[in-house]
Amino acid sequence: MHYFLGLEVWQRDGEIFLNEGKYTVEILKRFGMLDCKSMATSMNSNLKLLCNDTSEPFDPTVYKQVIRSLMYLVNTKPNTCFAVNALSQYMVEPRHVHWIAAKHVLRYLKGTIGYGLSYVSGGRWSCTDIQILIRLGVY
């Protein structure tokens, strides 16, 4: 394994696997979510919650730090792109409900630390769990 611009790069004949597991753990530690329970999805499908103006205001500085950290992770976790995009629209005036949704994304990341992108010669790519590859003896 090698590191390039913060990305973990695993390489073998005909395949390159990119992951940001170390950075994900750092984010979870930074925001006190390392010991949280993992979630199966990156965002609740009820987006009307995000438009709730009755919720209490939340500290914009902390919220911006979380969202900016998540934006960098989209490079290797494209399945979080929609959630991060939706949450980034509330960076100016975040509410407590937005913070809860951001924590949901962090919980999802907790369960997908080993996920990344696998580029195989021939042009196809897939999201793969590095633990599966290790168990199979690929890495």
Protein backbone atom coordinates (compact mmCIF):
# COMPACT_ATOMS: atom_id res chain seq x y z
CA MET A 1 0.00 0.00 0.00
CA HIS A 2 1.16 3.51 -0.81
CA TYR A 3 -0.23 6.93 -0.03
CA PHE A 4 -0.72 9.57 -2.71
CA LEU A 5 -2.35 12.92 -1.82
CA GLY A 6 -3.93 11.27 1.21
CA LEU A 7 -5.37 8.40 -0.81
CA GLU A 8 -4.48 4.84 0.07
CA VAL A 9 -3.42 3.18 -3.16
CA TRP A 10 -3.25 -0.61 -3.47
CA GLN A 11 -1.84 -1.82 -6.78
CA ARG A 12 -1.43 -5.20 -8.41
CA ASP A 13 -1.37 -6.47 -11.99
CA GLY A 14 -4.27 -4.95 -13.89
CA GLU A 15 -5.91 -3.31 -10.89
CA ILE A 16 -5.66 -0.22 -8.71
CA PHE A 17 -7.71 0.14 -5.53
CA LEU A 18 -8.21 3.60 -3.97
CA ASN A 19 -9.43 4.08 -0.41
CA GLU A 20 -9.51 6.83 2.22
CA GLY A 21 -9.90 4.66 5.30
CA LYS A 22 -7.27 6.47 7.33
CA TYR A 23 -8.82 9.86 6.56
CA THR A 24 -12.28 8.51 7.39
CA VAL A 25 -11.05 7.38 10.81
CA GLU A 26 -9.49 10.82 11.37
CA ILE A 27 -12.81 12.52 10.57
CA LEU A 28 -14.71 10.22 12.89
CA LYS A 29 -12.22 10.89 15.69
CA ARG A 30 -12.30 14.64 15.09
CA PHE A 31 -16.07 14.85 15.46
CA GLY A 32 -16.36 12.29 18.26
CA MET A 33 -18.07 9.63 16.16
CA LEU A 34 -15.44 6.87 16.19
CA ASP A 35 -17.45 4.70 18.60
CA CYS A 36 -20.84 5.32 16.98
CA LYS A 37 -23.09 2.67 15.48
CA SER A 38 -22.88 2.34 11.72
CA MET A 39 -25.79 3.02 9.37
CA ALA A 40 -26.78 1.16 6.21
CA THR A 41 -27.55 4.29 4.16
CA SER A 42 -25.82 7.63 3.82
CA MET A 43 -28.98 9.72 4.21
CA ASN A 44 -32.56 9.45 5.32
CA SER A 45 -34.84 9.51 2.28
CA ASN A 46 -37.13 12.08 3.97
CA LEU A 47 -35.56 15.25 2.58
CA LYS A 48 -38.40 17.41 3.91
CA LEU A 49 -36.61 17.25 7.25
CA LEU A 50 -33.81 19.30 5.75
CA CYS A 51 -36.15 22.19 4.98
CA ASN A 52 -37.26 22.46 8.61
CA ASP A 53 -36.82 26.10 9.72
CA THR A 54 -38.31 25.46 13.16
CA SER A 55 -35.19 23.61 14.31
CA GLU A 56 -32.66 25.44 16.49
CA PRO A 57 -29.67 27.06 14.76
CA PHE A 58 -26.43 25.09 14.88
CA ASP A 59 -22.82 26.37 15.02
CA PRO A 60 -21.91 27.12 11.37
CA THR A 61 -18.18 26.70 11.99
CA VAL A 62 -18.45 23.08 13.12
CA TYR A 63 -21.01 22.30 10.42
CA LYS A 64 -18.76 23.72 7.70
CA GLN A 65 -15.83 21.68 8.99
CA VAL A 66 -17.85 18.48 8.77
CA ILE A 67 -19.19 19.21 5.29
CA ARG A 68 -15.77 20.21 3.92
CA SER A 69 -14.28 17.02 5.34
CA LEU A 70 -17.05 14.99 3.72
CA MET A 71 -16.52 16.75 0.37
CA TYR A 72 -12.98 15.39 0.21
CA LEU A 73 -14.23 11.85 0.86
CA VAL A 74 -16.53 11.96 -2.17
CA ASN A 75 -13.42 11.23 -4.28
CA THR A 76 -13.46 7.57 -3.23
CA LYS A 77 -17.01 7.23 -1.91
CA PRO A 78 -19.28 8.43 -4.75
CA ASN A 79 -22.28 6.87 -3.00
CA THR A 80 -22.12 9.72 -0.46
CA CYS A 81 -22.17 12.41 -3.15
CA PHE A 82 -25.93 13.06 -3.03
CA ALA A 83 -26.01 13.33 0.77
CA VAL A 84 -22.99 15.65 0.93
CA ASN A 85 -24.40 17.81 -1.87
CA ALA A 86 -27.78 18.09 -0.12
CA LEU A 87 -26.17 18.98 3.23
CA SER A 88 -23.75 21.49 1.69
CA GLN A 89 -26.71 23.65 0.64
CA TYR A 90 -27.23 24.56 4.31
CA MET A 91 -23.70 25.71 5.16
CA VAL A 92 -24.73 29.36 5.58
CA GLU A 93 -27.48 28.83 8.16
CA PRO A 94 -27.29 25.26 9.45
CA ARG A 95 -29.95 24.02 11.83
CA HIS A 96 -29.80 21.24 14.39
CA VAL A 97 -31.71 18.97 11.99
CA HIS A 98 -28.91 19.44 9.41
CA TRP A 99 -26.32 18.48 12.03
CA ILE A 100 -28.29 15.29 12.75
CA ALA A 101 -28.29 14.47 9.03
CA ALA A 102 -24.52 15.12 8.83
CA LYS A 103 -24.01 12.78 11.79
CA HIS A 104 -26.04 10.18 9.87
CA VAL A 105 -23.51 10.42 7.03
CA LEU A 106 -20.67 10.01 9.55
CA ARG A 107 -22.37 6.90 10.92
CA TYR A 108 -22.63 5.54 7.38
CA LEU A 109 -18.91 6.18 6.89
CA LYS A 110 -18.19 4.24 10.09
CA GLY A 111 -19.61 1.13 8.42
CA THR A 112 -17.84 1.71 5.10
CA ILE A 113 -14.31 2.55 6.22
CA GLY A 114 -12.87 -0.21 4.05
CA TYR A 115 -14.85 0.72 0.93
CA GLY A 116 -13.12 2.33 -2.01
CA LEU A 117 -12.83 2.36 -5.77
CA SER A 118 -11.37 -0.50 -7.75
CA TYR A 119 -10.08 0.31 -11.22
CA VAL A 120 -9.46 -2.76 -13.36
CA SER A 121 -7.70 -2.72 -16.72
CA GLY A 122 -10.32 -2.85 -19.41
CA GLY A 123 -12.16 0.24 -18.23
CA ARG A 124 -14.59 -1.08 -15.63
CA TRP A 125 -14.63 0.16 -12.03
CA SER A 126 -16.54 -0.77 -8.93
CA CYS A 127 -16.94 0.12 -5.27
CA THR A 128 -15.33 -2.68 -3.34
CA ASP A 129 -14.69 -3.49 0.28
CA ILE A 130 -10.96 -3.91 0.89
CA GLN A 131 -11.70 -6.47 3.65
CA ILE A 132 -13.32 -8.79 1.08
CA LEU A 133 -10.26 -8.48 -1.15
CA ILE A 134 -7.94 -9.26 1.77
CA ARG A 135 -10.00 -12.31 2.79
CA LEU A 136 -9.87 -13.59 -0.76
CA GLY A 137 -6.10 -13.22 -0.75
CA VAL A 138 -6.08 -10.55 -3.45
CA TYR A 139 -4.14 -8.09 -1.24
